[in-house]
Protein backbone atom coordinates (compact mmCIF):
# COMPACT_ATOMS: atom_id res chain seq x y z
CA MET A 1 120.03 136.17 86.75
CA PRO A 2 120.76 140.19 86.75
CA SER A 3 117.85 142.32 87.49
CA VAL A 4 116.32 144.18 84.70
CA THR A 5 114.10 147.17 85.69
CA HIS A 6 110.46 147.68 84.35
CA GLN A 7 111.00 150.62 81.98
CA LEU A 8 110.11 149.29 78.59
CA PRO A 9 111.27 150.44 75.04
CA ASP A 10 108.69 150.75 72.34
CA LEU A 11 108.70 147.26 71.05
CA ALA A 12 106.40 148.26 68.30
CA ASP A 13 108.88 150.79 67.02
CA PRO A 14 108.99 150.72 63.27
CA ASP A 15 112.87 151.21 63.26
CA ALA A 16 113.33 147.95 65.32
CA VAL A 17 115.93 145.78 63.69
CA VAL A 18 114.61 142.71 62.05
CA VAL A 19 116.75 139.95 63.45
CA VAL A 20 114.96 137.01 61.71
CA PRO A 21 112.47 137.75 58.83
CA ALA A 22 109.40 135.62 58.62
CA PRO A 23 110.03 132.51 56.26
CA ALA A 24 107.56 133.74 53.67
CA PRO A 25 105.00 136.42 53.20
CA GLY A 26 101.30 136.14 54.64
CA ALA A 27 99.63 135.05 57.83
CA GLY A 28 100.91 131.93 59.36
CA ASN A 29 104.63 132.37 58.22
CA TRP A 30 106.23 133.23 61.65
CA SER A 31 109.69 133.63 62.99
CA GLY A 32 110.01 134.33 66.66
CA ALA A 33 109.03 132.61 69.93
CA ALA A 34 112.63 133.25 70.79
CA SER A 35 114.73 133.22 74.12
CA ALA A 36 118.24 134.70 73.96
CA THR A 37 121.18 134.99 76.56
CA LEU A 38 124.54 136.95 76.50
CA VAL A 39 127.61 134.86 77.51
CA ASP A 40 131.34 136.06 77.59
CA GLY A 41 130.30 138.82 75.18
CA THR A 42 128.38 136.79 72.54
CA PHE A 43 124.80 136.69 72.28
CA TYR A 44 123.02 133.43 71.83
CA LEU A 45 119.58 133.00 70.51
CA THR A 46 117.26 130.27 69.88
CA TYR A 47 113.85 130.58 67.84
CA ARG A 48 111.11 128.47 65.97
CA VAL A 49 110.30 128.79 62.31
CA ARG A 50 106.75 128.29 61.67
CA ARG A 51 104.55 127.76 58.44
CA PRO A 52 100.80 127.96 58.05
CA LEU A 53 98.57 125.24 59.26
CA THR A 54 98.39 123.88 55.70
CA GLU A 55 102.33 123.57 55.54
CA GLY A 56 103.16 121.90 58.88
CA ARG A 57 103.02 124.75 61.74
CA GLY A 58 106.28 124.92 63.73
CA VAL A 59 108.83 122.91 61.67
CA THR A 60 112.15 123.94 62.96
CA THR A 61 114.05 125.28 66.00
CA VAL A 62 117.22 127.30 65.36
CA VAL A 63 120.10 127.99 67.58
CA ALA A 64 122.38 131.08 66.62
CA ARG A 65 125.02 133.42 67.76
CA SER A 66 126.16 136.87 67.18
CA GLU A 67 128.63 139.56 68.18
CA ASP A 68 126.34 142.55 68.23
CA GLY A 69 122.98 141.08 68.99
CA GLU A 70 121.46 141.74 65.57
CA ARG A 71 123.29 139.91 62.89
CA PHE A 72 123.28 136.03 63.73
CA GLU A 73 124.85 132.92 62.15
CA THR A 74 123.07 129.48 62.62
CA VAL A 75 125.11 127.14 64.60
CA ALA A 76 122.57 124.32 65.27
CA GLU A 77 119.14 123.51 63.80
CA VAL A 78 116.48 120.82 65.01
CA HIS A 79 113.58 119.58 63.01
CA ARG A 80 110.36 118.52 64.66
CA ASP A 81 110.42 115.17 62.80
CA ALA A 82 113.44 114.09 64.93
CA PHE A 83 111.41 114.36 68.05
CA GLY A 84 108.30 112.80 66.77
CA ALA A 85 106.54 116.23 67.14
CA GLU A 86 103.63 117.64 65.04
CA SER A 87 104.93 121.03 65.64
CA PHE A 88 107.51 123.19 67.85
CA GLU A 89 106.81 126.23 69.66
CA ARG A 90 109.02 128.39 71.96
CA PRO A 91 112.45 126.98 72.68
CA VAL A 92 114.72 128.12 75.58
CA LEU A 93 118.54 128.03 75.52
CA VAL A 94 120.32 128.03 78.96
CA ARG A 95 123.99 127.99 79.71
CA ARG A 96 124.29 125.44 82.50
CA PRO A 97 126.18 126.17 85.73
CA ASP A 98 128.70 123.46 84.85
CA GLY A 99 129.59 125.29 81.44
CA GLY A 100 127.41 123.14 79.32
CA TRP A 101 124.39 124.00 77.31
CA ARG A 102 120.68 122.94 77.26
CA LEU A 103 117.94 123.63 74.95
CA TYR A 104 114.40 123.02 75.84
CA LEU A 105 111.84 122.24 73.21
CA SER A 106 108.15 122.74 73.33
CA CYS A 107 106.72 119.74 71.46
CA ALA A 108 102.99 119.05 70.24
CA THR A 109 101.86 115.48 70.48
CA PRO A 110 100.68 114.46 66.81
CA GLY A 111 96.81 114.33 66.51
CA SER A 112 96.18 115.79 69.84
CA LYS A 113 95.96 119.32 71.82
CA HIS A 114 98.85 117.94 74.21
CA TRP A 115 102.10 119.27 74.26
CA TRP A 116 105.34 118.20 76.32
CA ILE A 117 108.84 119.89 77.04
CA GLU A 118 112.06 118.11 76.31
CA ALA A 119 115.55 118.99 77.03
CA VAL A 120 118.55 118.55 74.91
CA ASP A 121 122.14 118.88 76.51
CA ALA A 122 125.53 119.29 74.83
CA PRO A 123 128.95 120.72 75.81
CA THR A 124 128.62 123.32 72.99
CA PRO A 125 125.77 125.13 71.28
CA GLU A 126 126.80 123.52 68.22
CA GLY A 127 126.24 120.03 69.85
CA LEU A 128 122.57 120.63 70.41
CA ALA A 129 121.54 119.37 66.91
CA ASP A 130 122.07 115.76 68.42
CA GLY A 131 122.75 116.13 72.08
CA GLU A 132 121.40 114.02 74.85
CA ARG A 133 117.61 114.25 75.17
CA THR A 134 115.41 113.99 78.45
CA VAL A 135 111.48 114.50 78.75
CA THR A 136 111.60 116.83 81.48
CA LEU A 137 108.01 118.10 81.62
CA PRO A 138 105.62 115.55 79.89
CA GLY A 139 102.12 117.04 80.80
CA ASP A 140 99.51 114.38 81.09
CA ASP A 141 95.92 113.71 79.78
CA GLY A 142 94.71 116.79 81.61
CA VAL A 143 97.30 119.54 80.87
CA ALA A 144 99.47 120.43 77.91
CA VAL A 145 102.78 122.11 78.87
CA LYS A 146 104.93 124.45 76.74
CA ASP A 147 106.75 127.68 76.17
CA PRO A 148 108.90 127.51 79.39
CA VAL A 149 110.99 130.60 80.61
CA VAL A 150 113.88 129.08 82.77
CA ALA A 151 116.24 130.94 85.06
CA VAL A 152 119.24 129.78 87.05
CA ASP A 153 119.89 131.78 90.16
CA ALA A 154 123.38 132.58 91.63
CA GLY A 155 123.02 129.61 94.02
CA GLY A 156 122.43 127.16 91.29
CA ARG A 157 118.60 126.79 91.78
CA TRP A 158 116.66 126.39 88.60
CA HIS A 159 113.22 128.17 88.18
CA ALA A 160 110.70 127.69 85.34
CA TRP A 161 107.49 129.55 84.55
CA ILE A 162 105.40 127.07 82.43
CA CYS A 163 102.58 127.67 80.09
CA GLU A 164 99.64 125.18 80.91
CA HIS A 165 96.73 124.44 78.71
CA PRO A 166 93.69 122.47 80.39
CA LEU A 167 92.62 119.66 78.09
CA GLY A 168 89.36 118.69 79.93
CA GLU A 169 86.91 120.63 77.56
CA VAL A 170 86.84 119.66 73.98
CA GLY A 171 87.40 123.07 72.10
CA GLU A 172 88.44 125.01 74.99
CA GLU A 173 92.23 123.81 74.94
CA ASP A 174 93.53 127.33 73.91
CA ARG A 175 93.16 128.60 77.45
CA MET A 176 96.34 129.15 79.29
CA SER A 177 97.82 129.93 82.65
CA THR A 178 101.14 130.24 83.99
CA ALA A 179 102.75 127.57 86.69
CA TYR A 180 105.80 127.86 88.58
CA ALA A 181 108.45 125.16 89.23
CA THR A 182 111.80 124.60 90.76
CA SER A 183 114.51 122.16 90.09
CA ALA A 184 118.01 121.23 91.39
CA ASP A 185 119.12 120.23 87.85
CA GLY A 186 116.80 121.80 85.48
CA LEU A 187 115.58 118.34 84.43
CA ARG A 188 113.35 117.09 87.43
CA TRP A 189 110.87 119.81 88.28
CA ASP A 190 108.57 120.32 91.22
CA ARG A 191 105.49 122.27 90.37
CA ARG A 192 104.72 125.01 92.92
CA GLY A 193 101.29 126.08 91.61
CA THR A 194 99.75 128.60 89.28
CA VAL A 195 101.08 132.29 89.50
CA LEU A 196 99.47 133.81 86.81
CA ALA A 197 96.06 133.33 85.50
CA PRO A 198 93.59 134.80 83.16
CA ARG A 199 91.34 137.72 84.40
CA PRO A 200 87.63 137.69 83.40
CA GLY A 201 86.60 140.85 81.43
CA ALA A 202 90.29 141.93 80.79
CA TRP A 203 92.46 142.04 77.69
CA ASP A 204 94.06 138.62 79.25
CA ALA A 205 90.70 137.01 79.91
CA ARG A 206 91.51 133.86 77.64
CA GLY A 207 95.00 133.36 78.66
CA ALA A 208 98.08 134.71 80.54
CA ARG A 209 101.62 133.27 79.65
CA VAL A 210 104.85 134.53 81.17
CA SER A 211 107.35 135.32 78.43
CA ALA A 212 110.24 137.00 80.12
CA VAL A 213 111.58 137.36 83.77
CA LEU A 214 112.84 140.95 84.12
CA ALA A 215 113.70 140.44 87.72
CA LEU A 216 113.66 137.69 90.29
CA GLU A 217 113.43 139.88 93.29
CA PRO A 218 111.06 141.53 93.28
CA LEU A 219 109.61 139.05 90.66
CA THR A 220 108.75 141.16 87.44
CA VAL A 221 107.73 139.74 84.25
CA LEU A 222 106.43 140.34 80.76
CA TYR A 223 103.48 138.10 79.75
CA ASP A 224 101.39 137.39 76.79
CA GLY A 225 97.59 137.59 76.83
CA ARG A 226 94.62 137.44 74.95
CA ALA A 227 90.86 138.22 75.37
CA ARG A 228 89.14 135.70 73.07
CA ALA A 229 89.79 132.18 71.58
CA ALA A 230 89.86 133.80 68.21
CA ASP A 231 92.84 135.74 69.35
CA ASN A 232 94.97 132.59 69.70
CA TRP A 233 98.50 132.95 68.13
CA HIS A 234 97.90 136.85 68.11
CA GLU A 235 98.75 137.60 71.87
CA THR A 236 99.90 140.89 73.04
CA THR A 237 102.31 141.88 75.76
CA GLY A 238 101.75 143.23 79.44
CA LEU A 239 103.75 143.60 82.50
CA ALA A 240 103.11 141.72 85.81
CA ARG A 241 104.65 142.02 89.17
CA ALA A 242 104.74 140.06 92.54
CA ALA A 243 101.83 140.37 94.57
CA GLU A 244 103.75 139.43 97.83
CA PRO A 245 107.54 140.17 96.93
CA ALA A 246 108.61 138.51 100.09
CA LEU A 247 107.99 135.20 98.38
CA GLY A 248 110.50 136.04 95.86
CA PRO A 249 110.22 133.86 92.36
CA ALA A 250 107.36 131.90 94.02
CA SER A 251 105.16 134.90 94.39
CA MET A 252 101.79 135.21 92.67
CA LEU A 253 101.83 137.86 89.87
CA VAL A 254 99.38 140.52 89.40
CA ALA A 255 99.04 142.85 86.11
CA ASP A 256 100.46 146.21 86.15
CA GLU A 257 97.72 148.26 84.94
CA GLU A 258 99.84 151.44 84.70
CA VAL A 259 101.87 149.93 81.94
CA PRO A 260 100.22 150.07 78.72
CA VAL A 261 99.64 146.73 76.85
CA LEU A 262 102.03 146.47 73.91
CA ARG A 263 100.82 145.36 70.51
CA SER A 264 101.88 145.67 66.92
CA PRO A 265 99.96 148.34 64.82
CA HIS A 266 99.76 145.85 61.89
CA SER A 267 97.57 142.95 60.76
CA ASP A 268 96.64 140.63 63.55
CA GLY A 269 98.34 142.94 66.20
CA ALA A 270 100.43 140.19 67.50
CA LEU A 271 103.44 141.29 69.98
CA ARG A 272 104.31 138.31 71.87
CA TYR A 273 107.08 135.83 73.34
CA ALA A 274 109.28 138.99 74.46
CA ALA A 275 112.83 138.05 75.69
CA ALA A 276 115.17 140.42 77.57
CA VAL A 277 118.95 140.27 77.65
CA PRO A 278 120.60 142.59 80.34
CA LEU A 279 123.61 144.39 78.84
CA PRO A 280 126.99 145.04 80.72
CA ASP A 281 126.29 148.88 80.49
CA GLY A 282 123.21 148.61 82.30
CA GLY A 283 121.02 148.52 79.08
CA VAL A 284 118.63 145.85 77.99
CA ARG A 285 118.17 144.13 74.69
CA PHE A 286 114.62 143.02 73.82
CA TYR A 287 113.68 140.35 71.40
CA VAL A 288 110.09 139.96 70.36
CA GLU A 289 107.88 138.39 67.91
CA ARG A 290 105.77 141.10 65.95
CA ALA A 291 103.28 141.06 63.30
CA ARG A 292 103.79 143.01 60.13
CA PRO A 293 101.24 144.46 57.59
CA ASP A 294 100.81 141.18 55.45
CA GLY A 295 100.08 138.99 58.61
CA ALA A 296 103.57 137.42 58.59
CA HIS A 297 105.56 137.80 61.94
CA ASP A 298 109.40 138.79 62.14
CA LEU A 299 111.67 138.50 65.02
CA VAL A 300 112.79 142.13 65.99
CA THR A 301 115.05 143.51 68.63
CA VAL A 302 114.99 146.86 70.34
CA VAL A 303 117.56 148.21 73.05
CA ARG A 304 116.55 150.12 76.06
CA PRO A 305 119.60 152.10 76.93
CA ALA A 306 120.98 152.42 80.53
């Protein structure tokens, strides 16, 4: 995975390009929770489309492609009903080392606060609509798992940063931290431990979820955080770094207090689920879900030049 330095563009820039607008005006209508990759000069993007609670929450995951990173055409679409899920959240699209494609889906268990992660494999992005399915991170009665960030290193080793929600206290299930796991094939994972956790009294006191890995060595990430349960779904973005760089991707992460927390100036302030795509010229294209004045969320993109 190419290294991306920590200098960030203004992700709240009003001139940012809207890649996927919200599905309708108003709060709860969100397009975003995206991941993206650049393969042979073509951008591939996956995102979820969400409706308000009364209309079904995360209803669809879309896979799309683009030659310029801004204008996308849909190549595959997956509906939550096909997975028996009550909702979808962040998907991840990965080009496998063998040339195939994998889509990770964050799936909500109906009637509960539990989530699991399921993988879909296919030879092409178009085939992901009905590819081979594997429940790869099931969670359990004590923890919900969702919103992974997945990377494959030059040696073919798979790495994942997984959002975990503890389920032991009723009404407290929105709390979140990030675990790190490794795998030889991206399907069977070994959890290595919690690497990013909330900080009492800080802007991320209620939750800390890795959203983008900017560099594996030294490990540098963007992450979503919030201070209160009332801020659920309205997270903002900070930057964290390896506490012990010698540990590589397995390092614990600590917030970089010198980098301002990034938030939308509009409505609920949400600026979350950032993704970063290194460009051949040394620049980086960022995608982020961002609140707009009417409370809806658009998926937007900003480029940081080389």
